[in-house]
Amino acid sequence: MDLPPYTIRSNSKAKHLTIRIRDGKIIVTKPSSITIPYLENFLMRKLDWINKHLSKSLKIIPRLSKKDYQDHKIKALVLAKDRLDLFNKHYNFAYNKITVKDQKTRWGSCSRKGNINFNYKIALIPEYLADYVIVHELCHLGQFDHSHKFWNLVAETIPDYMERRKELKRISL
């Protein structure tokens, strides 16, 4: 069986071979010491995993031009603020700054200082999935981990959070 096309990135700081699927493409990062034959052998052993994740990457959000990015960043900020206000009527958590960024691997994040960051791509996904991301980050203000208490908080307003979470994972950032 042949390997699908892939891109190699050498990184002198890398300690292991890593495979990422982004925008339906395979990206392999390797330490400088790893040879191409070793890398290809590794990829052949991981072919089932690669094919599984390529097929999961059914929904792909393309990269945007600078102008489109700015437009979606504004749209995402308005969406985040509106939905945070709505859901926080239930939770009543205090938060500080809301920021929208072009994050490569995360839909959102929350700091212990109460700052919440969102990926601009929340404006490009269905609102019910954006709601899950927004509630997820909001609930970190009440429980700063992924314990049962945290998931119980999420479930208060997003009872089907597990299904939404699975669907979100199929969307390639």
C-alpha atoms as a PDB file:
ATOM      1  CA  MET A   1       0.000   0.000   0.000  1.00  0.00           C
ATOM      2  CA  ASP A   2       1.334   3.447  -0.925  1.00  0.00           C
ATOM      3  CA  LEU A   3       1.569   6.367   1.433  1.00  0.00           C
ATOM      4  CA  PRO A   4      -0.702   9.343   0.745  1.00  0.00           C
ATOM      5  CA  PRO A   5       1.099  12.646  -0.014  1.00  0.00           C
ATOM      6  CA  TYR A   6       2.575  14.320   3.052  1.00  0.00           C
ATOM      7  CA  THR A   7       4.716  17.302   4.020  1.00  0.00           C
ATOM      8  CA  ILE A   8       7.850  16.922   6.145  1.00  0.00           C
ATOM      9  CA  ARG A   9       8.966  19.573   8.590  1.00  0.00           C
ATOM     10  CA  SER A  10      12.348  19.140  10.282  1.00  0.00           C
ATOM     11  CA  ASN A  11      12.661  20.636  13.730  1.00  0.00           C
ATOM     12  CA  SER A  12      15.916  20.498  15.679  1.00  0.00           C
ATOM     13  CA  LYS A  13      13.961  20.866  18.941  1.00  0.00           C
ATOM     14  CA  ALA A  14      11.543  18.008  18.164  1.00  0.00           C
ATOM     15  CA  LYS A  15      12.091  14.866  20.214  1.00  0.00           C
ATOM     16  CA  HIS A  16       9.621  12.587  18.435  1.00  0.00           C
ATOM     17  CA  LEU A  17       7.963  12.103  15.088  1.00  0.00           C
ATOM     18  CA  THR A  18       4.534  13.701  15.051  1.00  0.00           C
ATOM     19  CA  ILE A  19       1.741  13.450  12.522  1.00  0.00           C
ATOM     20  CA  ARG A  20      -0.930  16.117  12.168  1.00  0.00           C
ATOM     21  CA  ILE A  21      -3.866  16.247   9.807  1.00  0.00           C
ATOM     22  CA  ARG A  22      -4.667  19.873   8.921  1.00  0.00           C
ATOM     23  CA  ASP A  23      -7.026  21.008   6.183  1.00  0.00           C
ATOM     24  CA  GLY A  24      -7.069  17.438   4.867  1.00  0.00           C
ATOM     25  CA  LYS A  25      -3.270  17.377   4.531  1.00  0.00           C
ATOM     26  CA  ILE A  26      -0.730  15.226   6.352  1.00  0.00           C
ATOM     27  CA  ILE A  27       2.083  17.120   8.074  1.00  0.00           C
ATOM     28  CA  VAL A  28       4.940  15.154   9.643  1.00  0.00           C
ATOM     29  CA  THR A  29       7.354  16.900  12.010  1.00  0.00           C
ATOM     30  CA  LYS A  30      10.602  15.078  12.628  1.00  0.00           C
ATOM     31  CA  PRO A  31      13.735  15.574  14.682  1.00  0.00           C
ATOM     32  CA  SER A  32      16.767  16.346  12.512  1.00  0.00           C
ATOM     33  CA  SER A  33      18.305  12.960  13.334  1.00  0.00           C
ATOM     34  CA  ILE A  34      15.442  10.897  11.823  1.00  0.00           C
ATOM     35  CA  THR A  35      16.096   9.525   8.331  1.00  0.00           C
ATOM     36  CA  ILE A  36      13.523   9.486   5.525  1.00  0.00           C
ATOM     37  CA  PRO A  37      13.417   5.637   5.365  1.00  0.00           C
ATOM     38  CA  TYR A  38      12.734   5.506   9.130  1.00  0.00           C
ATOM     39  CA  LEU A  39      10.043   8.184   8.742  1.00  0.00           C
ATOM     40  CA  GLU A  40       8.341   6.333   5.881  1.00  0.00           C
ATOM     41  CA  ASN A  41       8.397   3.076   7.850  1.00  0.00           C
ATOM     42  CA  PHE A  42       6.785   4.938  10.758  1.00  0.00           C
ATOM     43  CA  LEU A  43       4.090   6.350   8.451  1.00  0.00           C
ATOM     44  CA  MET A  44       3.348   2.889   7.022  1.00  0.00           C
ATOM     45  CA  ARG A  45       2.814   1.569  10.561  1.00  0.00           C
ATOM     46  CA  LYS A  46       0.466   4.509  11.278  1.00  0.00           C
ATOM     47  CA  LEU A  47      -1.436   4.276   7.986  1.00  0.00           C
ATOM     48  CA  ASP A  48      -4.690   3.111   9.630  1.00  0.00           C
ATOM     49  CA  TRP A  49      -4.558   6.057  12.044  1.00  0.00           C
ATOM     50  CA  ILE A  50      -3.776   8.462   9.191  1.00  0.00           C
ATOM     51  CA  ASN A  51      -6.654   7.209   7.025  1.00  0.00           C
ATOM     52  CA  LYS A  52      -9.054   7.291   9.980  1.00  0.00           C
ATOM     53  CA  HIS A  53      -8.180  10.913  10.754  1.00  0.00           C
ATOM     54  CA  LEU A  54      -8.222  11.966   7.117  1.00  0.00           C
ATOM     55  CA  SER A  55     -11.766  10.618   6.814  1.00  0.00           C
ATOM     56  CA  LYS A  56     -12.760  12.325  10.095  1.00  0.00           C
ATOM     57  CA  SER A  57     -11.582  15.606   8.665  1.00  0.00           C
ATOM     58  CA  LEU A  58     -14.783  15.810   6.647  1.00  0.00           C
ATOM     59  CA  LYS A  59     -15.402  19.419   7.442  1.00  0.00           C
ATOM     60  CA  ILE A  60     -12.495  21.691   6.684  1.00  0.00           C
ATOM     61  CA  ILE A  61     -12.449  25.403   7.358  1.00  0.00           C
ATOM     62  CA  PRO A  62     -10.158  27.079   4.824  1.00  0.00           C
ATOM     63  CA  ARG A  63      -7.591  29.758   5.647  1.00  0.00           C
ATOM     64  CA  LEU A  64      -8.894  33.263   4.985  1.00  0.00           C
ATOM     65  CA  SER A  65      -7.391  36.340   3.391  1.00  0.00           C
ATOM     66  CA  LYS A  66      -6.430  39.195   5.758  1.00  0.00           C
ATOM     67  CA  LYS A  67      -9.590  41.134   4.935  1.00  0.00           C
ATOM     68  CA  ASP A  68     -11.867  38.119   5.390  1.00  0.00           C
ATOM     69  CA  TYR A  69     -10.010  37.239   8.603  1.00  0.00           C
ATOM     70  CA  GLN A  70     -10.626  40.741  10.017  1.00  0.00           C
ATOM     71  CA  ASP A  71     -14.314  40.571   9.034  1.00  0.00           C
ATOM     72  CA  HIS A  72     -14.731  37.144  10.677  1.00  0.00           C
ATOM     73  CA  LYS A  73     -12.739  38.252  13.726  1.00  0.00           C
ATOM     74  CA  ILE A  74     -15.236  41.090  14.293  1.00  0.00           C
ATOM     75  CA  LYS A  75     -18.172  38.742  13.659  1.00  0.00           C
ATOM     76  CA  ALA A  76     -16.685  36.180  16.102  1.00  0.00           C
ATOM     77  CA  LEU A  77     -16.194  38.830  18.800  1.00  0.00           C
ATOM     78  CA  VAL A  78     -19.796  40.011  18.505  1.00  0.00           C
ATOM     79  CA  LEU A  79     -21.014  36.394  18.588  1.00  0.00           C
ATOM     80  CA  ALA A  80     -18.828  35.555  21.602  1.00  0.00           C
ATOM     81  CA  LYS A  81     -19.938  38.605  23.593  1.00  0.00           C
ATOM     82  CA  ASP A  82     -23.625  38.099  22.810  1.00  0.00           C
ATOM     83  CA  ARG A  83     -23.609  34.385  23.620  1.00  0.00           C
ATOM     84  CA  LEU A  84     -21.437  34.858  26.737  1.00  0.00           C
ATOM     85  CA  ASP A  85     -23.937  37.429  28.017  1.00  0.00           C
ATOM     86  CA  LEU A  86     -26.816  35.041  27.317  1.00  0.00           C
ATOM     87  CA  PHE A  87     -25.264  31.961  28.955  1.00  0.00           C
ATOM     88  CA  ASN A  88     -23.784  33.932  31.836  1.00  0.00           C
ATOM     89  CA  LYS A  89     -27.297  34.902  32.915  1.00  0.00           C
ATOM     90  CA  HIS A  90     -27.433  31.303  34.078  1.00  0.00           C
ATOM     91  CA  TYR A  91     -23.886  30.975  35.489  1.00  0.00           C
ATOM     92  CA  ASN A  92     -23.209  34.510  36.708  1.00  0.00           C
ATOM     93  CA  PHE A  93     -19.397  34.156  36.493  1.00  0.00           C
ATOM     94  CA  ALA A  94     -17.107  37.191  36.446  1.00  0.00           C
ATOM     95  CA  TYR A  95     -14.806  37.466  33.458  1.00  0.00           C
ATOM     96  CA  ASN A  96     -12.420  40.118  32.211  1.00  0.00           C
ATOM     97  CA  LYS A  97     -11.246  40.454  28.649  1.00  0.00           C
ATOM     98  CA  ILE A  98     -12.661  38.620  25.622  1.00  0.00           C
ATOM     99  CA  THR A  99     -10.239  38.217  22.726  1.00  0.00           C
ATOM    100  CA  VAL A 100     -10.556  36.647  19.288  1.00  0.00           C
ATOM    101  CA  LYS A 101      -7.427  35.145  17.720  1.00  0.00           C
ATOM    102  CA  ASP A 102      -6.295  32.909  14.883  1.00  0.00           C
ATOM    103  CA  GLN A 103      -5.415  29.915  17.034  1.00  0.00           C
ATOM    104  CA  LYS A 104      -4.014  26.950  15.128  1.00  0.00           C
ATOM    105  CA  THR A 105      -5.053  24.146  17.499  1.00  0.00           C
ATOM    106  CA  ARG A 106      -7.711  25.492  19.882  1.00  0.00           C
ATOM    107  CA  TRP A 107     -11.268  26.691  19.624  1.00  0.00           C
ATOM    108  CA  GLY A 108     -10.895  28.657  22.836  1.00  0.00           C
ATOM    109  CA  SER A 109      -9.027  29.080  26.088  1.00  0.00           C
ATOM    110  CA  CYS A 110      -9.550  30.638  29.488  1.00  0.00           C
ATOM    111  CA  SER A 111      -6.926  32.066  31.848  1.00  0.00           C
ATOM    112  CA  ARG A 112      -7.014  32.028  35.626  1.00  0.00           C
ATOM    113  CA  LYS A 113      -7.253  35.837  35.433  1.00  0.00           C
ATOM    114  CA  GLY A 114     -10.659  35.471  33.780  1.00  0.00           C
ATOM    115  CA  ASN A 115      -9.566  36.329  30.247  1.00  0.00           C
ATOM    116  CA  ILE A 116     -11.323  34.274  27.580  1.00  0.00           C
ATOM    117  CA  ASN A 117      -9.917  33.725  24.087  1.00  0.00           C
ATOM    118  CA  PHE A 118     -11.799  32.358  21.113  1.00  0.00           C
ATOM    119  CA  ASN A 119     -10.709  31.226  17.694  1.00  0.00           C
ATOM    120  CA  TYR A 120     -12.190  33.470  14.986  1.00  0.00           C
ATOM    121  CA  LYS A 121     -13.494  30.283  13.352  1.00  0.00           C
ATOM    122  CA  ILE A 122     -16.358  30.120  15.863  1.00  0.00           C
ATOM    123  CA  ALA A 123     -18.025  32.528  13.423  1.00  0.00           C
ATOM    124  CA  LEU A 124     -17.694  29.932  10.636  1.00  0.00           C
ATOM    125  CA  ILE A 125     -19.276  26.932  12.378  1.00  0.00           C
ATOM    126  CA  PRO A 126     -22.934  26.298  13.223  1.00  0.00           C
ATOM    127  CA  GLU A 127     -24.094  28.391  16.169  1.00  0.00           C
ATOM    128  CA  TYR A 128     -24.908  25.346  18.324  1.00  0.00           C
ATOM    129  CA  LEU A 129     -21.238  24.280  18.088  1.00  0.00           C
ATOM    130  CA  ALA A 130     -20.036  27.828  18.802  1.00  0.00           C
ATOM    131  CA  ASP A 131     -22.346  27.796  21.843  1.00  0.00           C
ATOM    132  CA  TYR A 132     -20.612  24.662  23.103  1.00  0.00           C
ATOM    133  CA  VAL A 133     -17.175  26.324  22.767  1.00  0.00           C
ATOM    134  CA  ILE A 134     -18.397  29.485  24.492  1.00  0.00           C
ATOM    135  CA  VAL A 135     -20.052  27.618  27.374  1.00  0.00           C
ATOM    136  CA  HIS A 136     -16.991  25.343  27.711  1.00  0.00           C
ATOM    137  CA  GLU A 137     -14.686  28.330  28.240  1.00  0.00           C
ATOM    138  CA  LEU A 138     -17.197  30.150  30.436  1.00  0.00           C
ATOM    139  CA  CYS A 139     -17.477  27.110  32.725  1.00  0.00           C
ATOM    140  CA  HIS A 140     -13.716  27.136  33.282  1.00  0.00           C
ATOM    141  CA  LEU A 141     -14.321  30.268  35.329  1.00  0.00           C
ATOM    142  CA  GLY A 142     -16.263  28.095  37.783  1.00  0.00           C
ATOM    143  CA  GLN A 143     -14.104  24.972  37.543  1.00  0.00           C
ATOM    144  CA  PHE A 144     -10.623  25.341  36.098  1.00  0.00           C
ATOM    145  CA  ASP A 145     -10.165  21.737  34.958  1.00  0.00           C
ATOM    146  CA  HIS A 146     -12.030  18.989  33.104  1.00  0.00           C
ATOM    147  CA  SER A 147     -13.352  17.181  36.170  1.00  0.00           C
ATOM    148  CA  HIS A 148     -16.872  15.805  36.620  1.00  0.00           C
ATOM    149  CA  LYS A 149     -17.792  19.087  38.328  1.00  0.00           C
ATOM    150  CA  PHE A 150     -16.710  20.987  35.211  1.00  0.00           C
ATOM    151  CA  TRP A 151     -18.722  18.767  32.835  1.00  0.00           C
ATOM    152  CA  ASN A 152     -21.735  19.025  35.146  1.00  0.00           C
ATOM    153  CA  LEU A 153     -21.504  22.815  34.837  1.00  0.00           C
ATOM    154  CA  VAL A 154     -21.388  22.566  31.035  1.00  0.00           C
ATOM    155  CA  ALA A 155     -24.363  20.179  31.041  1.00  0.00           C
ATOM    156  CA  GLU A 156     -26.507  22.732  32.880  1.00  0.00           C
ATOM    157  CA  THR A 157     -26.922  24.719  29.640  1.00  0.00           C
ATOM    158  CA  ILE A 158     -25.599  22.290  26.994  1.00  0.00           C
ATOM    159  CA  PRO A 159     -27.024  18.895  28.027  1.00  0.00           C
ATOM    160  CA  ASP A 160     -25.912  17.275  24.739  1.00  0.00           C
ATOM    161  CA  TYR A 161     -22.350  18.607  25.093  1.00  0.00           C
ATOM    162  CA  MET A 162     -20.782  15.192  24.373  1.00  0.00           C
ATOM    163  CA  GLU A 163     -22.382  14.982  20.933  1.00  0.00           C
ATOM    164  CA  ARG A 164     -21.436  18.574  20.130  1.00  0.00           C
ATOM    165  CA  ARG A 165     -17.882  17.950  21.321  1.00  0.00           C
ATOM    166  CA  LYS A 166     -17.568  14.912  19.036  1.00  0.00           C
ATOM    167  CA  GLU A 167     -18.903  16.865  16.072  1.00  0.00           C
ATOM    168  CA  LEU A 168     -16.506  19.745  16.751  1.00  0.00           C
ATOM    169  CA  LYS A 169     -13.559  17.359  16.785  1.00  0.00           C
ATOM    170  CA  ARG A 170     -14.407  16.361  13.204  1.00  0.00           C
ATOM    171  CA  ILE A 171     -13.879  19.931  12.062  1.00  0.00           C
ATOM    172  CA  SER A 172     -10.300  20.617  11.083  1.00  0.00           C
ATOM    173  CA  LEU A 173      -8.862  23.867  12.395  1.00  0.00           C
END
